[in-house]
């Protein structure tokens, strides 16, 4: 089997990138913010769908995941974050309301990431060995690439 990245490393990189880009939006030029926000939202949606398809599905059968009160919350958080991105895209960049919404999105993303990296990563480590984690990483990359192609085709 070829060497693939551990799924946790891939998710961690996506998470760090999302937080970094949300932080950069705070001080960005309003004219540039709209395009950056659209790009960030697209990346978030692709990440969330690939994560739900590969990672969450892989954990659905795990007894530990089923007993976790957070098991279904991660789907809800993805939807909430996407809804807030929608409000940001429709809002007037640079207003106090828009800036407040941006702070809420970043806080929610940070909380989601922290919980996911604490709980979901632990469940993955319990259920899969290093080869299994790398196989999930490969599946995640494939799903993310396919979703990226679909999003680019929709945008064209």
C-alpha atoms as a PDB file:
ATOM      1  CA  UNK A   1       0.000   0.000   0.000  1.00  0.00           C
ATOM      2  CA  UNK A   2       1.300   3.460  -0.884  1.00  0.00           C
ATOM      3  CA  UNK A   3       1.990   5.872   1.940  1.00  0.00           C
ATOM      4  CA  UNK A   4      -1.020   8.094   2.629  1.00  0.00           C
ATOM      5  CA  UNK A   5      -1.590  10.786   5.199  1.00  0.00           C
ATOM      6  CA  UNK A   6      -3.317   9.882   8.448  1.00  0.00           C
ATOM      7  CA  UNK A   7      -6.887  11.225   8.304  1.00  0.00           C
ATOM      8  CA  UNK A   8      -6.312  13.198  11.502  1.00  0.00           C
ATOM      9  CA  UNK A   9      -3.415  15.088   9.922  1.00  0.00           C
ATOM     10  CA  UNK A  10      -5.520  15.985   6.885  1.00  0.00           C
ATOM     11  CA  UNK A  11      -8.420  17.169   9.018  1.00  0.00           C
ATOM     12  CA  UNK A  12      -6.094  19.132  11.295  1.00  0.00           C
ATOM     13  CA  UNK A  13      -4.578  20.934   8.268  1.00  0.00           C
ATOM     14  CA  UNK A  14      -8.022  21.815   6.905  1.00  0.00           C
ATOM     15  CA  UNK A  15      -9.075  23.039  10.345  1.00  0.00           C
ATOM     16  CA  UNK A  16      -5.999  25.215  10.781  1.00  0.00           C
ATOM     17  CA  UNK A  17      -6.451  26.689   7.309  1.00  0.00           C
ATOM     18  CA  UNK A  18     -10.124  27.539   7.971  1.00  0.00           C
ATOM     19  CA  UNK A  19      -9.295  29.267  11.268  1.00  0.00           C
ATOM     20  CA  UNK A  20      -6.407  31.153   9.705  1.00  0.00           C
ATOM     21  CA  UNK A  21      -8.520  32.382   6.800  1.00  0.00           C
ATOM     22  CA  UNK A  22     -11.365  33.407   9.114  1.00  0.00           C
ATOM     23  CA  UNK A  23      -8.852  35.365  11.172  1.00  0.00           C
ATOM     24  CA  UNK A  24      -7.471  37.074   8.067  1.00  0.00           C
ATOM     25  CA  UNK A  25     -10.975  38.123   7.006  1.00  0.00           C
ATOM     26  CA  UNK A  26     -11.248  40.285  10.137  1.00  0.00           C
ATOM     27  CA  UNK A  27      -8.721  42.771   8.849  1.00  0.00           C
ATOM     28  CA  UNK A  28      -9.145  42.275   5.114  1.00  0.00           C
ATOM     29  CA  UNK A  29     -10.073  45.004   2.677  1.00  0.00           C
ATOM     30  CA  UNK A  30     -13.883  44.987   2.215  1.00  0.00           C
ATOM     31  CA  UNK A  31     -13.473  44.741  -1.553  1.00  0.00           C
ATOM     32  CA  UNK A  32     -11.350  41.614  -1.177  1.00  0.00           C
ATOM     33  CA  UNK A  33     -13.430  40.093   1.632  1.00  0.00           C
ATOM     34  CA  UNK A  34     -16.367  38.985  -0.498  1.00  0.00           C
ATOM     35  CA  UNK A  35     -14.206  36.882  -2.860  1.00  0.00           C
ATOM     36  CA  UNK A  36     -12.198  35.446   0.025  1.00  0.00           C
ATOM     37  CA  UNK A  37     -15.394  34.585   1.887  1.00  0.00           C
ATOM     38  CA  UNK A  38     -16.842  32.764  -1.130  1.00  0.00           C
ATOM     39  CA  UNK A  39     -13.624  30.766  -1.489  1.00  0.00           C
ATOM     40  CA  UNK A  40     -13.537  29.991   2.242  1.00  0.00           C
ATOM     41  CA  UNK A  41     -17.175  28.901   2.315  1.00  0.00           C
ATOM     42  CA  UNK A  42     -16.608  26.608  -0.674  1.00  0.00           C
ATOM     43  CA  UNK A  43     -13.607  25.049   1.072  1.00  0.00           C
ATOM     44  CA  UNK A  44     -15.646  24.633   4.280  1.00  0.00           C
ATOM     45  CA  UNK A  45     -18.534  22.933   2.459  1.00  0.00           C
ATOM     46  CA  UNK A  46     -16.160  20.590   0.634  1.00  0.00           C
ATOM     47  CA  UNK A  47     -14.347  19.751   3.872  1.00  0.00           C
ATOM     48  CA  UNK A  48     -17.587  19.189   5.800  1.00  0.00           C
ATOM     49  CA  UNK A  49     -19.144  16.964   3.141  1.00  0.00           C
ATOM     50  CA  UNK A  50     -15.989  14.884   2.720  1.00  0.00           C
ATOM     51  CA  UNK A  51     -15.662  14.586   6.487  1.00  0.00           C
ATOM     52  CA  UNK A  52     -19.296  13.539   6.902  1.00  0.00           C
ATOM     53  CA  UNK A  53     -19.040  11.043   4.054  1.00  0.00           C
ATOM     54  CA  UNK A  54     -15.782   9.420   5.102  1.00  0.00           C
ATOM     55  CA  UNK A  55     -15.076  10.048   8.778  1.00  0.00           C
ATOM     56  CA  UNK A  56     -18.520  10.230  10.328  1.00  0.00           C
ATOM     57  CA  UNK A  57     -19.723   7.254   8.312  1.00  0.00           C
ATOM     58  CA  UNK A  58     -16.655   5.268   9.403  1.00  0.00           C
ATOM     59  CA  UNK A  59     -17.511   5.987  13.034  1.00  0.00           C
ATOM     60  CA  UNK A  60     -21.263   5.356  12.783  1.00  0.00           C
ATOM     61  CA  UNK A  61     -20.892   1.693  13.659  1.00  0.00           C
ATOM     62  CA  UNK A  62     -18.520   2.247  16.543  1.00  0.00           C
ATOM     63  CA  UNK A  63     -20.125   1.577  19.911  1.00  0.00           C
ATOM     64  CA  UNK A  64     -18.186   4.492  21.404  1.00  0.00           C
ATOM     65  CA  UNK A  65     -19.485   6.883  18.744  1.00  0.00           C
ATOM     66  CA  UNK A  66     -23.073   5.766  19.218  1.00  0.00           C
ATOM     67  CA  UNK A  67     -22.912   6.383  22.941  1.00  0.00           C
ATOM     68  CA  UNK A  68     -21.383   9.830  22.555  1.00  0.00           C
ATOM     69  CA  UNK A  69     -23.837  12.691  23.115  1.00  0.00           C
ATOM     70  CA  UNK A  70     -21.815  14.648  20.532  1.00  0.00           C
ATOM     71  CA  UNK A  71     -22.257  12.107  17.749  1.00  0.00           C
ATOM     72  CA  UNK A  72     -25.085  13.981  16.000  1.00  0.00           C
ATOM     73  CA  UNK A  73     -24.015  17.487  17.018  1.00  0.00           C
ATOM     74  CA  UNK A  74     -21.167  17.570  14.527  1.00  0.00           C
ATOM     75  CA  UNK A  75     -23.671  17.421  11.635  1.00  0.00           C
ATOM     76  CA  UNK A  76     -25.711  20.221  13.191  1.00  0.00           C
ATOM     77  CA  UNK A  77     -22.593  22.333  13.677  1.00  0.00           C
ATOM     78  CA  UNK A  78     -21.657  21.929  10.011  1.00  0.00           C
ATOM     79  CA  UNK A  79     -25.139  23.148   9.019  1.00  0.00           C
ATOM     80  CA  UNK A  80     -25.026  26.091  11.453  1.00  0.00           C
ATOM     81  CA  UNK A  81     -21.640  27.194  10.200  1.00  0.00           C
ATOM     82  CA  UNK A  82     -22.793  26.982   6.577  1.00  0.00           C
ATOM     83  CA  UNK A  83     -25.880  29.058   7.445  1.00  0.00           C
ATOM     84  CA  UNK A  84     -23.691  31.701   9.045  1.00  0.00           C
ATOM     85  CA  UNK A  85     -21.453  31.752   5.974  1.00  0.00           C
ATOM     86  CA  UNK A  86     -24.612  32.363   3.935  1.00  0.00           C
ATOM     87  CA  UNK A  87     -25.523  35.346   6.134  1.00  0.00           C
ATOM     88  CA  UNK A  88     -22.013  36.726   5.805  1.00  0.00           C
ATOM     89  CA  UNK A  89     -22.136  36.465   2.014  1.00  0.00           C
ATOM     90  CA  UNK A  90     -25.468  38.303   1.918  1.00  0.00           C
ATOM     91  CA  UNK A  91     -24.407  40.946   4.450  1.00  0.00           C
ATOM     92  CA  UNK A  92     -22.598  44.222   3.958  1.00  0.00           C
ATOM     93  CA  UNK A  93     -18.902  43.628   4.464  1.00  0.00           C
ATOM     94  CA  UNK A  94     -17.307  45.773   7.137  1.00  0.00           C
ATOM     95  CA  UNK A  95     -20.453  46.701   9.058  1.00  0.00           C
ATOM     96  CA  UNK A  96     -20.563  46.006  12.783  1.00  0.00           C
ATOM     97  CA  UNK A  97     -23.245  43.342  12.203  1.00  0.00           C
ATOM     98  CA  UNK A  98     -21.106  41.613   9.568  1.00  0.00           C
ATOM     99  CA  UNK A  99     -18.042  41.758  11.824  1.00  0.00           C
ATOM    100  CA  UNK A 100     -20.044  40.307  14.719  1.00  0.00           C
ATOM    101  CA  UNK A 101     -21.283  37.475  12.525  1.00  0.00           C
ATOM    102  CA  UNK A 102     -17.717  36.803  11.422  1.00  0.00           C
ATOM    103  CA  UNK A 103     -16.615  36.540  15.075  1.00  0.00           C
ATOM    104  CA  UNK A 104     -19.474  34.118  15.807  1.00  0.00           C
ATOM    105  CA  UNK A 105     -18.562  31.966  12.788  1.00  0.00           C
ATOM    106  CA  UNK A 106     -14.932  31.836  13.865  1.00  0.00           C
ATOM    107  CA  UNK A 107     -15.858  30.989  17.467  1.00  0.00           C
ATOM    108  CA  UNK A 108     -18.235  28.242  16.348  1.00  0.00           C
ATOM    109  CA  UNK A 109     -15.667  26.808  13.939  1.00  0.00           C
ATOM    110  CA  UNK A 110     -13.010  26.891  16.679  1.00  0.00           C
ATOM    111  CA  UNK A 111     -15.310  25.135  19.170  1.00  0.00           C
ATOM    112  CA  UNK A 112     -16.304  22.541  16.574  1.00  0.00           C
ATOM    113  CA  UNK A 113     -12.671  21.883  15.705  1.00  0.00           C
ATOM    114  CA  UNK A 114     -11.572  21.633  19.327  1.00  0.00           C
ATOM    115  CA  UNK A 115     -14.290  19.137  20.194  1.00  0.00           C
ATOM    116  CA  UNK A 116     -13.743  17.172  17.019  1.00  0.00           C
ATOM    117  CA  UNK A 117      -9.998  16.952  17.553  1.00  0.00           C
ATOM    118  CA  UNK A 118     -10.521  15.861  21.152  1.00  0.00           C
ATOM    119  CA  UNK A 119     -13.394  13.397  20.679  1.00  0.00           C
ATOM    120  CA  UNK A 120     -13.487  12.311  17.041  1.00  0.00           C
ATOM    121  CA  UNK A 121      -9.730  11.905  16.757  1.00  0.00           C
ATOM    122  CA  UNK A 122      -9.753   9.761  19.915  1.00  0.00           C
ATOM    123  CA  UNK A 123     -12.525   7.568  18.486  1.00  0.00           C
ATOM    124  CA  UNK A 124     -10.590   7.188  15.247  1.00  0.00           C
ATOM    125  CA  UNK A 125      -7.482   6.138  17.181  1.00  0.00           C
ATOM    126  CA  UNK A 126      -9.512   3.573  19.151  1.00  0.00           C
ATOM    127  CA  UNK A 127     -11.171   2.075  16.087  1.00  0.00           C
ATOM    128  CA  UNK A 128      -8.390   2.160  13.462  1.00  0.00           C
ATOM    129  CA  UNK A 129      -4.725   1.219  13.347  1.00  0.00           C
ATOM    130  CA  UNK A 130      -2.228   3.404  11.478  1.00  0.00           C
ATOM    131  CA  UNK A 131      -2.937   1.669   8.165  1.00  0.00           C
ATOM    132  CA  UNK A 132      -6.686   2.180   8.624  1.00  0.00           C
ATOM    133  CA  UNK A 133      -6.178   5.846   9.504  1.00  0.00           C
ATOM    134  CA  UNK A 134      -4.116   6.310   6.354  1.00  0.00           C
ATOM    135  CA  UNK A 135      -6.746   4.518   4.261  1.00  0.00           C
ATOM    136  CA  UNK A 136      -9.372   6.904   5.661  1.00  0.00           C
ATOM    137  CA  UNK A 137      -7.007   9.740   4.752  1.00  0.00           C
ATOM    138  CA  UNK A 138      -6.864   8.434   1.189  1.00  0.00           C
ATOM    139  CA  UNK A 139     -10.664   8.139   1.027  1.00  0.00           C
ATOM    140  CA  UNK A 140     -11.030  11.654   2.422  1.00  0.00           C
ATOM    141  CA  UNK A 141      -8.649  13.070  -0.212  1.00  0.00           C
ATOM    142  CA  UNK A 142     -10.574  11.311  -2.977  1.00  0.00           C
ATOM    143  CA  UNK A 143     -13.909  12.603  -1.662  1.00  0.00           C
ATOM    144  CA  UNK A 144     -12.533  16.124  -1.251  1.00  0.00           C
ATOM    145  CA  UNK A 145     -11.060  16.100  -4.774  1.00  0.00           C
ATOM    146  CA  UNK A 146     -14.318  14.864  -6.270  1.00  0.00           C
ATOM    147  CA  UNK A 147     -16.353  17.470  -4.385  1.00  0.00           C
ATOM    148  CA  UNK A 148     -13.905  20.181  -5.467  1.00  0.00           C
ATOM    149  CA  UNK A 149     -14.386  19.208  -9.110  1.00  0.00           C
ATOM    150  CA  UNK A 150     -18.171  19.304  -8.679  1.00  0.00           C
ATOM    151  CA  UNK A 151     -18.055  22.726  -6.990  1.00  0.00           C
ATOM    152  CA  UNK A 152     -15.800  24.113  -9.722  1.00  0.00           C
ATOM    153  CA  UNK A 153     -18.157  22.776 -12.387  1.00  0.00           C
ATOM    154  CA  UNK A 154     -21.113  24.460 -10.645  1.00  0.00           C
ATOM    155  CA  UNK A 155     -19.225  27.741 -10.402  1.00  0.00           C
ATOM    156  CA  UNK A 156     -18.300  27.707 -14.118  1.00  0.00           C
END
